[in-house]
Amino acid sequence: MEIDRFDPTPIYKQVARVIRGRIESGELRPKDPIPSESKMVSDYGIARDTARQAVALLRSEGWVITLPQRGTFVAQQPPASAPGSGESTD
């Protein structure tokens, strides 16, 4: 899934949706690191603050945890039906 700059959904929500999809598909498993902010910036052509917002959204939904000085990792038990999971129409 790519980022669609013409989609009215905010870019950070689109990035979060891509990472959430990778977790749901099993590509990213519990305790796996998610892409760093720098990697998101280069992969998606977004600003660092946008990457930060995407990570904050995933953290607030319970998909990831951030360990200071270590990075952000897939949560041990990602939410079964977190708000924003799956396809949404926001």
C-alpha atoms as a PDB file:
ATOM      1  CA  MET A   1       0.000   0.000   0.000  1.00  0.00           C
ATOM      2  CA  GLU A   2       1.392   3.362  -0.991  1.00  0.00           C
ATOM      3  CA  ILE A   3       0.892   6.838   0.341  1.00  0.00           C
ATOM      4  CA  ASP A   4      -1.640   8.775  -1.742  1.00  0.00           C
ATOM      5  CA  ARG A   5      -1.009  12.502  -1.509  1.00  0.00           C
ATOM      6  CA  PHE A   6      -4.399  13.181  -3.109  1.00  0.00           C
ATOM      7  CA  ASP A   7      -6.284  11.105  -0.521  1.00  0.00           C
ATOM      8  CA  PRO A   8      -7.992  13.397   2.014  1.00  0.00           C
ATOM      9  CA  THR A   9      -6.770  11.090   4.825  1.00  0.00           C
ATOM     10  CA  PRO A  10      -3.860  12.791   6.626  1.00  0.00           C
ATOM     11  CA  ILE A  11      -0.461  11.422   5.538  1.00  0.00           C
ATOM     12  CA  TYR A  12       0.483  10.317   9.058  1.00  0.00           C
ATOM     13  CA  LYS A  13      -2.696   8.202   9.233  1.00  0.00           C
ATOM     14  CA  GLN A  14      -1.850   6.620   5.878  1.00  0.00           C
ATOM     15  CA  VAL A  15       1.665   5.746   7.089  1.00  0.00           C
ATOM     16  CA  ALA A  16       0.228   4.308  10.317  1.00  0.00           C
ATOM     17  CA  ARG A  17      -2.236   2.260   8.233  1.00  0.00           C
ATOM     18  CA  VAL A  18       0.627   0.804   6.158  1.00  0.00           C
ATOM     19  CA  ILE A  19       2.584  -0.220   9.268  1.00  0.00           C
ATOM     20  CA  ARG A  20      -0.571  -1.532  10.960  1.00  0.00           C
ATOM     21  CA  GLY A  21      -1.203  -3.655   7.869  1.00  0.00           C
ATOM     22  CA  ARG A  22       2.319  -5.089   8.068  1.00  0.00           C
ATOM     23  CA  ILE A  23       1.665  -6.043  11.695  1.00  0.00           C
ATOM     24  CA  GLU A  24      -1.739  -7.579  10.930  1.00  0.00           C
ATOM     25  CA  SER A  25      -0.313  -9.606   8.032  1.00  0.00           C
ATOM     26  CA  GLY A  26       2.439 -11.031  10.244  1.00  0.00           C
ATOM     27  CA  GLU A  27       5.241  -9.343   8.304  1.00  0.00           C
ATOM     28  CA  LEU A  28       6.064  -7.490  11.542  1.00  0.00           C
ATOM     29  CA  ARG A  29       5.725  -9.740  14.587  1.00  0.00           C
ATOM     30  CA  PRO A  30       5.600  -8.953  18.317  1.00  0.00           C
ATOM     31  CA  LYS A  31       8.913  -7.512  19.533  1.00  0.00           C
ATOM     32  CA  ASP A  32      10.051  -6.718  15.962  1.00  0.00           C
ATOM     33  CA  PRO A  33      11.253  -3.155  15.462  1.00  0.00           C
ATOM     34  CA  ILE A  34       9.110  -1.003  13.207  1.00  0.00           C
ATOM     35  CA  PRO A  35      10.876   1.158  10.616  1.00  0.00           C
ATOM     36  CA  SER A  36      12.753   4.076  12.162  1.00  0.00           C
ATOM     37  CA  GLU A  37      11.607   7.646  11.596  1.00  0.00           C
ATOM     38  CA  SER A  38      14.566   8.104   9.227  1.00  0.00           C
ATOM     39  CA  LYS A  39      13.535   5.037   7.218  1.00  0.00           C
ATOM     40  CA  MET A  40       9.921   6.266   7.002  1.00  0.00           C
ATOM     41  CA  VAL A  41      11.176   9.658   5.826  1.00  0.00           C
ATOM     42  CA  SER A  42      13.213   8.064   3.020  1.00  0.00           C
ATOM     43  CA  ASP A  43      10.695   5.304   2.120  1.00  0.00           C
ATOM     44  CA  TYR A  44       7.576   7.480   2.009  1.00  0.00           C
ATOM     45  CA  GLY A  45       9.046  10.912   1.235  1.00  0.00           C
ATOM     46  CA  ILE A  46       7.483  12.438   4.339  1.00  0.00           C
ATOM     47  CA  ALA A  47       8.676  14.897   6.968  1.00  0.00           C
ATOM     48  CA  ARG A  48      10.190  13.565  10.190  1.00  0.00           C
ATOM     49  CA  ASP A  49       7.334  15.130  12.176  1.00  0.00           C
ATOM     50  CA  THR A  50       4.837  13.204  10.025  1.00  0.00           C
ATOM     51  CA  ALA A  51       6.687   9.952  10.812  1.00  0.00           C
ATOM     52  CA  ARG A  52       6.626  10.901  14.496  1.00  0.00           C
ATOM     53  CA  GLN A  53       2.845  11.467  14.338  1.00  0.00           C
ATOM     54  CA  ALA A  54       2.323   8.052  12.697  1.00  0.00           C
ATOM     55  CA  VAL A  55       4.311   6.333  15.468  1.00  0.00           C
ATOM     56  CA  ALA A  56       2.408   8.289  18.140  1.00  0.00           C
ATOM     57  CA  LEU A  57      -0.903   7.159  16.605  1.00  0.00           C
ATOM     58  CA  LEU A  58       0.177   3.498  16.546  1.00  0.00           C
ATOM     59  CA  ARG A  59       1.376   3.811  20.149  1.00  0.00           C
ATOM     60  CA  SER A  60      -1.927   5.371  21.279  1.00  0.00           C
ATOM     61  CA  GLU A  61      -3.834   2.516  19.605  1.00  0.00           C
ATOM     62  CA  GLY A  62      -1.677  -0.096  21.367  1.00  0.00           C
ATOM     63  CA  TRP A  63       0.051  -1.485  18.252  1.00  0.00           C
ATOM     64  CA  VAL A  64       3.574  -0.498  19.254  1.00  0.00           C
ATOM     65  CA  ILE A  65       5.650   0.405  22.287  1.00  0.00           C
ATOM     66  CA  THR A  66       8.608   2.770  22.389  1.00  0.00           C
ATOM     67  CA  LEU A  67      11.619   1.999  24.545  1.00  0.00           C
ATOM     68  CA  PRO A  68      13.790   5.068  25.154  1.00  0.00           C
ATOM     69  CA  GLN A  69      17.197   4.840  23.474  1.00  0.00           C
ATOM     70  CA  ARG A  70      16.205   1.543  21.800  1.00  0.00           C
ATOM     71  CA  GLY A  71      13.426   2.239  19.340  1.00  0.00           C
ATOM     72  CA  THR A  72       9.813   1.365  18.689  1.00  0.00           C
ATOM     73  CA  PHE A  73       8.667  -2.244  18.576  1.00  0.00           C
ATOM     74  CA  VAL A  74       5.500  -4.185  17.793  1.00  0.00           C
ATOM     75  CA  ALA A  75       3.563  -4.691  21.027  1.00  0.00           C
ATOM     76  CA  GLN A  76       3.573  -8.152  22.616  1.00  0.00           C
ATOM     77  CA  GLN A  77      -0.161  -8.414  22.028  1.00  0.00           C
ATOM     78  CA  PRO A  78      -1.346  -5.992  19.365  1.00  0.00           C
ATOM     79  CA  PRO A  79      -4.989  -5.012  19.884  1.00  0.00           C
ATOM     80  CA  ALA A  80      -7.537  -7.382  18.376  1.00  0.00           C
ATOM     81  CA  SER A  81      -9.796  -4.557  17.234  1.00  0.00           C
ATOM     82  CA  ALA A  82      -8.133  -1.266  17.989  1.00  0.00           C
ATOM     83  CA  PRO A  83      -9.730   1.997  16.910  1.00  0.00           C
ATOM     84  CA  GLY A  84      -8.527   2.718  13.414  1.00  0.00           C
ATOM     85  CA  SER A  85      -7.695  -0.880  12.600  1.00  0.00           C
ATOM     86  CA  GLY A  86      -8.822  -2.237   9.297  1.00  0.00           C
ATOM     87  CA  GLU A  87     -10.191  -0.030   6.582  1.00  0.00           C
ATOM     88  CA  SER A  88     -11.667   3.214   7.727  1.00  0.00           C
ATOM     89  CA  THR A  89     -13.272   6.067   5.912  1.00  0.00           C
ATOM     90  CA  ASP A  90     -11.734   8.985   7.779  1.00  0.00           C
END
